[in-house]
Amino acid sequence: MMDVSGVGFPSKVPWKKMSAEELENQYCPSRWVVRLGAEEALRTYSQIGIEATTRARATRKSLLHVPYGDGEGEKVDIYFPDESSEALPFFLFFHGGYWQSGRHPGPHGRPGFFLVSGVFDLEPIVYTSQNVALQLTLEDAQRNSPQLKVAQAQPVDPTCRVLVVVGQFDSPEFHRQSWEFYQTLCQGEWKASFEELHDVDHFEIVENLTQKDNVLTQIILKTIFQ
C-alpha cells in the first residue's frame, strides 16, 4: 500500500483555521448567489431544472430511470439525438449533490471530464451540516476524496482531457478546492485545464448549459466533437 500522508493536500489548508460558522458559510453555495436570495435561488434553480427536464422528455426520444447500480438513486435518463448513429459520441451529466446521489458509473468511452464547482477534498464537509445526511467519518472522507485518489494514480488514457471549472461567485473554498485539484491533476500528468467562468454563481453555471452560446456549453461541444 502506498503511503499517501502529505500527498495531494497542501501542508496548510485555510479551512482548518475557520470558525464553525465560517466553514458552514463557505460550503453552502446558496449563500453566495448574487442575483437572488438564498431560498429564492434554490426554488428558482430547482424549477428551471424541472422545466428543462419536461421539455427534453416532450421533444426527445428517451429511456428513463435506467439503473446503473443497486441503489434507489442510482438511475440515469438517456436522451437521443434526432438522427442516431453508432458513431455518435455521448455526454453524461451527474449532479453530485454533495455526494448524496449514489455512486456514479465509470467513464466508459468518454473523451474527457468536465468538473464543475466540485468538492475534491471531502474532509471539510465532515464538520458542516452537510454531513448530517452523509454521515462521513474522517476516514471515509480521506478514503473517498478525489484529491487523494488522483494523487495516487496515473491517467489510464493520457489523451483524456479534464476541465476543472469554478464560477466567479463561488465561495473562496470552492475556488481553492478547484484550483488545488487542477494542480494535482497537472502534477500527475493529466491533460488538465482550468476555467473560472465570469459573472456566474454555483447554480448559474449549470443553468446556463441550456444556452447554446454559453462559454462552457461551447467548450464541452468542441471537446466532444473534435
C-alpha atoms as a PDB file:
ATOM      1  CA  MET A   1       0.000   0.000   0.000  1.00  0.00           C
ATOM      2  CA  MET A   2       1.312   3.420  -0.967  1.00  0.00           C
ATOM      3  CA  ASP A   3       1.959   5.911   1.819  1.00  0.00           C
ATOM      4  CA  VAL A   4      -0.173   8.951   0.990  1.00  0.00           C
ATOM      5  CA  SER A   5       0.495  11.012   4.069  1.00  0.00           C
ATOM      6  CA  GLY A   6       1.045  14.548   2.895  1.00  0.00           C
ATOM      7  CA  VAL A   7       0.252  13.623  -0.729  1.00  0.00           C
ATOM      8  CA  GLY A   8      -2.422  15.506  -2.631  1.00  0.00           C
ATOM      9  CA  PHE A   9      -3.189  18.077   0.060  1.00  0.00           C
ATOM     10  CA  PRO A  10      -1.166  21.216   0.776  1.00  0.00           C
ATOM     11  CA  SER A  11       0.514  21.367   4.173  1.00  0.00           C
ATOM     12  CA  LYS A  12      -1.622  24.355   5.200  1.00  0.00           C
ATOM     13  CA  VAL A  13      -5.327  24.430   4.434  1.00  0.00           C
ATOM     14  CA  PRO A  14      -7.181  27.642   5.338  1.00  0.00           C
ATOM     15  CA  TRP A  15     -10.451  25.961   6.313  1.00  0.00           C
ATOM     16  CA  LYS A  16      -8.839  24.468   9.425  1.00  0.00           C
ATOM     17  CA  LYS A  17      -8.434  27.980  10.838  1.00  0.00           C
ATOM     18  CA  MET A  18     -12.087  28.933  10.219  1.00  0.00           C
ATOM     19  CA  SER A  19     -14.795  29.122  12.832  1.00  0.00           C
ATOM     20  CA  ALA A  20     -17.616  26.586  12.540  1.00  0.00           C
ATOM     21  CA  GLU A  21     -19.897  29.363  11.288  1.00  0.00           C
ATOM     22  CA  GLU A  22     -17.496  30.486   8.559  1.00  0.00           C
ATOM     23  CA  LEU A  23     -16.833  26.912   7.429  1.00  0.00           C
ATOM     24  CA  GLU A  24     -20.570  26.307   7.154  1.00  0.00           C
ATOM     25  CA  ASN A  25     -20.901  29.503   5.134  1.00  0.00           C
ATOM     26  CA  GLN A  26     -18.106  28.505   2.752  1.00  0.00           C
ATOM     27  CA  TYR A  27     -19.750  25.187   1.917  1.00  0.00           C
ATOM     28  CA  CYS A  28     -23.312  26.480   1.499  1.00  0.00           C
ATOM     29  CA  PRO A  29     -23.448  27.598  -2.185  1.00  0.00           C
ATOM     30  CA  SER A  30     -26.880  29.216  -1.878  1.00  0.00           C
ATOM     31  CA  ARG A  31     -25.367  31.854   0.437  1.00  0.00           C
ATOM     32  CA  TRP A  32     -23.097  33.043  -2.370  1.00  0.00           C
ATOM     33  CA  VAL A  33     -25.664  33.811  -5.063  1.00  0.00           C
ATOM     34  CA  VAL A  34     -25.575  37.440  -6.146  1.00  0.00           C
ATOM     35  CA  ARG A  35     -28.824  37.986  -8.008  1.00  0.00           C
ATOM     36  CA  LEU A  36     -31.289  36.174  -5.728  1.00  0.00           C
ATOM     37  CA  GLY A  37     -31.692  35.437  -2.050  1.00  0.00           C
ATOM     38  CA  ALA A  38     -30.626  32.004  -0.823  1.00  0.00           C
ATOM     39  CA  GLU A  39     -34.117  30.497  -0.532  1.00  0.00           C
ATOM     40  CA  GLU A  40     -35.317  32.096  -3.758  1.00  0.00           C
ATOM     41  CA  ALA A  41     -32.230  30.814  -5.561  1.00  0.00           C
ATOM     42  CA  LEU A  42     -32.902  27.221  -4.537  1.00  0.00           C
ATOM     43  CA  ARG A  43     -36.546  27.446  -5.612  1.00  0.00           C
ATOM     44  CA  THR A  44     -35.682  29.150  -8.902  1.00  0.00           C
ATOM     45  CA  TYR A  45     -32.948  26.776  -9.994  1.00  0.00           C
ATOM     46  CA  SER A  46     -34.979  23.747  -8.950  1.00  0.00           C
ATOM     47  CA  GLN A  47     -37.855  24.973 -11.107  1.00  0.00           C
ATOM     48  CA  ILE A  48     -35.505  25.631 -14.032  1.00  0.00           C
ATOM     49  CA  GLY A  49     -34.316  22.036 -13.821  1.00  0.00           C
ATOM     50  CA  ILE A  50     -37.851  20.682 -13.726  1.00  0.00           C
ATOM     51  CA  GLU A  51     -38.865  22.740 -16.775  1.00  0.00           C
ATOM     52  CA  ALA A  52     -35.771  21.729 -18.759  1.00  0.00           C
ATOM     53  CA  THR A  53     -36.408  18.055 -17.994  1.00  0.00           C
ATOM     54  CA  THR A  54     -40.048  18.368 -19.018  1.00  0.00           C
ATOM     55  CA  ARG A  55     -39.077  19.941 -22.342  1.00  0.00           C
ATOM     56  CA  ALA A  56     -36.444  17.282 -23.028  1.00  0.00           C
ATOM     57  CA  ARG A  57     -38.852  14.445 -22.326  1.00  0.00           C
ATOM     58  CA  ALA A  58     -41.501  16.020 -24.551  1.00  0.00           C
ATOM     59  CA  THR A  59     -39.196  16.627 -27.524  1.00  0.00           C
ATOM     60  CA  ARG A  60     -36.587  13.847 -27.427  1.00  0.00           C
ATOM     61  CA  LYS A  61     -36.659  10.080 -27.647  1.00  0.00           C
ATOM     62  CA  SER A  62     -35.558   8.832 -24.260  1.00  0.00           C
ATOM     63  CA  LEU A  63     -35.026   5.926 -21.895  1.00  0.00           C
ATOM     64  CA  LEU A  64     -35.849   6.978 -18.352  1.00  0.00           C
ATOM     65  CA  HIS A  65     -34.758   5.661 -14.960  1.00  0.00           C
ATOM     66  CA  VAL A  66     -32.206   3.209 -16.353  1.00  0.00           C
ATOM     67  CA  PRO A  67     -30.389   1.591 -13.381  1.00  0.00           C
ATOM     68  CA  TYR A  68     -26.596   1.555 -13.230  1.00  0.00           C
ATOM     69  CA  GLY A  69     -26.361   0.265  -9.657  1.00  0.00           C
ATOM     70  CA  ASP A  70     -28.411  -1.305  -6.905  1.00  0.00           C
ATOM     71  CA  GLY A  71     -29.367   1.860  -5.020  1.00  0.00           C
ATOM     72  CA  GLU A  72     -32.686   3.647  -5.433  1.00  0.00           C
ATOM     73  CA  GLY A  73     -30.898   6.817  -6.550  1.00  0.00           C
ATOM     74  CA  GLU A  74     -28.596   5.021  -8.989  1.00  0.00           C
ATOM     75  CA  LYS A  75     -30.578   5.618 -12.157  1.00  0.00           C
ATOM     76  CA  VAL A  76     -29.899   7.648 -15.280  1.00  0.00           C
ATOM     77  CA  ASP A  77     -32.097   9.145 -18.017  1.00  0.00           C
ATOM     78  CA  ILE A  78     -30.860   8.708 -21.591  1.00  0.00           C
ATOM     79  CA  TYR A  79     -31.803  11.158 -24.355  1.00  0.00           C
ATOM     80  CA  PHE A  80     -31.174  10.510 -28.030  1.00  0.00           C
ATOM     81  CA  PRO A  81     -30.478  12.995 -30.872  1.00  0.00           C
ATOM     82  CA  ASP A  82     -32.858  13.353 -33.807  1.00  0.00           C
ATOM     83  CA  GLU A  83     -30.548  11.339 -36.039  1.00  0.00           C
ATOM     84  CA  SER A  84     -28.836   8.449 -34.300  1.00  0.00           C
ATOM     85  CA  SER A  85     -25.683   6.694 -35.391  1.00  0.00           C
ATOM     86  CA  GLU A  86     -23.344   4.189 -33.774  1.00  0.00           C
ATOM     87  CA  ALA A  87     -20.521   6.681 -34.326  1.00  0.00           C
ATOM     88  CA  LEU A  88     -22.097   9.458 -32.248  1.00  0.00           C
ATOM     89  CA  PRO A  89     -20.320  10.423 -29.014  1.00  0.00           C
ATOM     90  CA  PHE A  90     -22.273  10.746 -25.794  1.00  0.00           C
ATOM     91  CA  PHE A  91     -22.314  13.074 -22.833  1.00  0.00           C
ATOM     92  CA  LEU A  92     -23.086  12.010 -19.254  1.00  0.00           C
ATOM     93  CA  PHE A  93     -24.188  14.595 -16.706  1.00  0.00           C
ATOM     94  CA  PHE A  94     -24.180  13.837 -12.985  1.00  0.00           C
ATOM     95  CA  HIS A  95     -25.180  16.238 -10.263  1.00  0.00           C
ATOM     96  CA  GLY A  96     -23.178  15.110  -7.264  1.00  0.00           C
ATOM     97  CA  GLY A  97     -25.409  16.903  -4.763  1.00  0.00           C
ATOM     98  CA  TYR A  98     -22.781  16.872  -2.010  1.00  0.00           C
ATOM     99  CA  TRP A  99     -22.061  13.186  -2.605  1.00  0.00           C
ATOM    100  CA  GLN A 100     -25.691  12.194  -1.904  1.00  0.00           C
ATOM    101  CA  SER A 101     -26.570  10.877  -5.399  1.00  0.00           C
ATOM    102  CA  GLY A 102     -25.162   7.379  -5.102  1.00  0.00           C
ATOM    103  CA  ARG A 103     -22.100   6.062  -6.887  1.00  0.00           C
ATOM    104  CA  HIS A 104     -21.536   7.046 -10.463  1.00  0.00           C
ATOM    105  CA  PRO A 105     -20.849   4.725 -13.390  1.00  0.00           C
ATOM    106  CA  GLY A 106     -17.397   4.733 -14.903  1.00  0.00           C
ATOM    107  CA  PRO A 107     -16.371   6.971 -17.820  1.00  0.00           C
ATOM    108  CA  HIS A 108     -16.587   4.287 -20.480  1.00  0.00           C
ATOM    109  CA  GLY A 109     -15.883   5.797 -23.890  1.00  0.00           C
ATOM    110  CA  ARG A 110     -15.896   9.425 -22.761  1.00  0.00           C
ATOM    111  CA  PRO A 111     -13.250  11.731 -24.235  1.00  0.00           C
ATOM    112  CA  GLY A 112     -12.974  13.801 -21.100  1.00  0.00           C
ATOM    113  CA  PHE A 113     -14.283  15.061 -17.790  1.00  0.00           C
ATOM    114  CA  PHE A 114     -15.881  18.449 -17.047  1.00  0.00           C
ATOM    115  CA  LEU A 115     -15.734  19.019 -13.296  1.00  0.00           C
ATOM    116  CA  VAL A 116     -17.988  21.906 -12.337  1.00  0.00           C
ATOM    117  CA  SER A 117     -17.681  23.604  -8.919  1.00  0.00           C
ATOM    118  CA  GLY A 118     -16.733  20.398  -7.165  1.00  0.00           C
ATOM    119  CA  VAL A 119     -15.602  19.354  -3.711  1.00  0.00           C
ATOM    120  CA  PHE A 120     -12.478  17.257  -4.175  1.00  0.00           C
ATOM    121  CA  ASP A 121     -11.217  17.211  -0.585  1.00  0.00           C
ATOM    122  CA  LEU A 122     -14.112  15.861   1.496  1.00  0.00           C
ATOM    123  CA  GLU A 123     -12.593  16.450   4.911  1.00  0.00           C
ATOM    124  CA  PRO A 124     -14.114  19.934   5.471  1.00  0.00           C
ATOM    125  CA  ILE A 125     -17.579  18.504   4.815  1.00  0.00           C
ATOM    126  CA  VAL A 126     -17.249  16.296   7.889  1.00  0.00           C
ATOM    127  CA  TYR A 127     -17.503  19.438  10.042  1.00  0.00           C
ATOM    128  CA  THR A 128     -20.518  21.037   8.308  1.00  0.00           C
ATOM    129  CA  SER A 129     -24.276  20.438   8.394  1.00  0.00           C
ATOM    130  CA  GLN A 130     -23.953  18.671   5.023  1.00  0.00           C
ATOM    131  CA  ASN A 131     -22.626  15.708   6.982  1.00  0.00           C
ATOM    132  CA  VAL A 132     -25.926  15.195   8.788  1.00  0.00           C
ATOM    133  CA  ALA A 133     -27.123  13.329   5.689  1.00  0.00           C
ATOM    134  CA  LEU A 134     -23.757  11.954   4.607  1.00  0.00           C
ATOM    135  CA  GLN A 135     -22.542  10.671   7.977  1.00  0.00           C
ATOM    136  CA  LEU A 136     -18.936  10.687   6.791  1.00  0.00           C
ATOM    137  CA  THR A 137     -16.190   9.805   9.226  1.00  0.00           C
ATOM    138  CA  LEU A 138     -12.764  11.360   8.793  1.00  0.00           C
ATOM    139  CA  GLU A 139     -11.562   8.029   7.417  1.00  0.00           C
ATOM    140  CA  ASP A 140     -14.466   7.963   4.925  1.00  0.00           C
ATOM    141  CA  ALA A 141     -13.577  11.454   3.738  1.00  0.00           C
ATOM    142  CA  GLN A 142      -9.928  10.640   3.236  1.00  0.00           C
ATOM    143  CA  ARG A 143     -10.656   7.330   1.510  1.00  0.00           C
ATOM    144  CA  ASN A 144     -13.125   8.864  -0.949  1.00  0.00           C
ATOM    145  CA  SER A 145     -11.546  12.262  -1.652  1.00  0.00           C
ATOM    146  CA  PRO A 146     -10.765  12.646  -5.375  1.00  0.00           C
ATOM    147  CA  GLN A 147      -7.821  14.831  -4.395  1.00  0.00           C
ATOM    148  CA  LEU A 148      -6.102  11.863  -2.787  1.00  0.00           C
ATOM    149  CA  LYS A 149      -7.283   9.351  -5.385  1.00  0.00           C
ATOM    150  CA  VAL A 150      -5.748  11.368  -8.210  1.00  0.00           C
ATOM    151  CA  ALA A 151      -2.537  11.943  -6.270  1.00  0.00           C
ATOM    152  CA  GLN A 152      -2.072   8.169  -6.097  1.00  0.00           C
ATOM    153  CA  ALA A 153      -2.873   7.346  -9.727  1.00  0.00           C
ATOM    154  CA  GLN A 154      -1.697   7.949 -13.262  1.00  0.00           C
ATOM    155  CA  PRO A 155      -4.247   8.606 -16.034  1.00  0.00           C
ATOM    156  CA  VAL A 156      -5.306   5.408 -17.786  1.00  0.00           C
ATOM    157  CA  ASP A 157      -5.661   7.309 -21.049  1.00  0.00           C
ATOM    158  CA  PRO A 158      -3.082  10.117 -21.477  1.00  0.00           C
ATOM    159  CA  THR A 159      -5.307  11.764 -24.125  1.00  0.00           C
ATOM    160  CA  CYS A 160      -8.247  12.091 -21.720  1.00  0.00           C
ATOM    161  CA  ARG A 161      -8.981  15.773 -21.104  1.00  0.00           C
ATOM    162  CA  VAL A 162     -10.048  17.113 -17.723  1.00  0.00           C
ATOM    163  CA  LEU A 163     -11.503  20.601 -17.380  1.00  0.00           C
ATOM    164  CA  VAL A 164     -11.906  21.948 -13.845  1.00  0.00           C
ATOM    165  CA  VAL A 165     -14.472  24.757 -13.728  1.00  0.00           C
ATOM    166  CA  VAL A 166     -15.483  27.181 -10.988  1.00  0.00           C
ATOM    167  CA  GLY A 167     -17.812  30.171 -11.042  1.00  0.00           C
ATOM    168  CA  GLN A 168     -16.621  33.701 -10.303  1.00  0.00           C
ATOM    169  CA  PHE A 169     -19.116  33.961  -7.433  1.00  0.00           C
ATOM    170  CA  ASP A 170     -18.436  30.565  -5.912  1.00  0.00           C
ATOM    171  CA  SER A 171     -17.086  30.770  -2.367  1.00  0.00           C
ATOM    172  CA  PRO A 172     -13.323  31.063  -1.739  1.00  0.00           C
ATOM    173  CA  GLU A 173     -13.277  27.448  -0.546  1.00  0.00           C
ATOM    174  CA  PHE A 174     -14.797  26.224  -3.810  1.00  0.00           C
ATOM    175  CA  HIS A 175     -12.184  28.256  -5.667  1.00  0.00           C
ATOM    176  CA  ARG A 176      -9.401  26.777  -3.547  1.00  0.00           C
ATOM    177  CA  GLN A 177     -10.679  23.232  -3.963  1.00  0.00           C
ATOM    178  CA  SER A 178     -10.937  23.566  -7.739  1.00  0.00           C
ATOM    179  CA  TRP A 179      -7.526  25.184  -8.194  1.00  0.00           C
ATOM    180  CA  GLU A 180      -5.714  22.712  -5.962  1.00  0.00           C
ATOM    181  CA  PHE A 181      -7.364  19.751  -7.670  1.00  0.00           C
ATOM    182  CA  TYR A 182      -6.306  21.158 -11.041  1.00  0.00           C
ATOM    183  CA  GLN A 183      -2.741  21.464  -9.768  1.00  0.00           C
ATOM    184  CA  THR A 184      -2.798  17.873  -8.524  1.00  0.00           C
ATOM    185  CA  LEU A 185      -4.006  16.713 -11.950  1.00  0.00           C
ATOM    186  CA  CYS A 186      -1.155  18.557 -13.635  1.00  0.00           C
ATOM    187  CA  GLN A 187       1.380  17.045 -11.251  1.00  0.00           C
ATOM    188  CA  GLY A 188       0.013  13.607 -12.153  1.00  0.00           C
ATOM    189  CA  GLU A 189       0.473  14.368 -15.867  1.00  0.00           C
ATOM    190  CA  TRP A 190      -3.237  14.522 -16.623  1.00  0.00           C
ATOM    191  CA  LYS A 191      -4.221  16.621 -19.631  1.00  0.00           C
ATOM    192  CA  ALA A 192      -5.917  19.203 -17.451  1.00  0.00           C
ATOM    193  CA  SER A 193      -7.089  22.777 -17.817  1.00  0.00           C
ATOM    194  CA  PHE A 194      -8.745  25.292 -15.514  1.00  0.00           C
ATOM    195  CA  GLU A 195     -11.531  27.771 -16.207  1.00  0.00           C
ATOM    196  CA  GLU A 196     -13.098  30.429 -14.000  1.00  0.00           C
ATOM    197  CA  LEU A 197     -16.412  31.395 -15.559  1.00  0.00           C
ATOM    198  CA  HIS A 198     -17.136  35.119 -15.389  1.00  0.00           C
ATOM    199  CA  ASP A 199     -20.227  36.565 -13.709  1.00  0.00           C
ATOM    200  CA  VAL A 200     -21.882  33.300 -12.643  1.00  0.00           C
ATOM    201  CA  ASP A 201     -22.587  31.660  -9.312  1.00  0.00           C
ATOM    202  CA  HIS A 202     -22.619  27.983  -8.320  1.00  0.00           C
ATOM    203  CA  PHE A 203     -26.112  27.404  -9.735  1.00  0.00           C
ATOM    204  CA  GLU A 204     -25.964  29.551 -12.851  1.00  0.00           C
ATOM    205  CA  ILE A 205     -23.071  27.517 -14.265  1.00  0.00           C
ATOM    206  CA  VAL A 206     -25.383  24.539 -14.766  1.00  0.00           C
ATOM    207  CA  GLU A 207     -28.455  26.610 -15.628  1.00  0.00           C
ATOM    208  CA  ASN A 208     -26.555  28.301 -18.470  1.00  0.00           C
ATOM    209  CA  LEU A 209     -25.675  24.968 -20.083  1.00  0.00           C
ATOM    210  CA  THR A 210     -29.118  25.138 -21.728  1.00  0.00           C
ATOM    211  CA  GLN A 211     -27.845  28.115 -23.782  1.00  0.00           C
ATOM    212  CA  LYS A 212     -26.062  27.138 -26.995  1.00  0.00           C
ATOM    213  CA  ASP A 213     -23.827  30.235 -26.977  1.00  0.00           C
ATOM    214  CA  ASN A 214     -22.746  29.730 -23.365  1.00  0.00           C
ATOM    215  CA  VAL A 215     -18.969  29.571 -22.896  1.00  0.00           C
ATOM    216  CA  LEU A 216     -18.966  26.236 -21.075  1.00  0.00           C
ATOM    217  CA  THR A 217     -21.521  24.733 -23.461  1.00  0.00           C
ATOM    218  CA  GLN A 218     -19.245  25.587 -26.377  1.00  0.00           C
ATOM    219  CA  ILE A 219     -16.170  24.169 -24.625  1.00  0.00           C
ATOM    220  CA  ILE A 220     -17.982  20.892 -23.958  1.00  0.00           C
ATOM    221  CA  LEU A 221     -19.276  20.589 -27.530  1.00  0.00           C
ATOM    222  CA  LYS A 222     -15.857  21.304 -29.033  1.00  0.00           C
ATOM    223  CA  THR A 223     -14.268  18.684 -26.794  1.00  0.00           C
ATOM    224  CA  ILE A 224     -16.860  16.059 -27.656  1.00  0.00           C
ATOM    225  CA  PHE A 225     -16.863  16.606 -31.399  1.00  0.00           C
ATOM    226  CA  GLN A 226     -13.182  17.309 -32.001  1.00  0.00           C
END
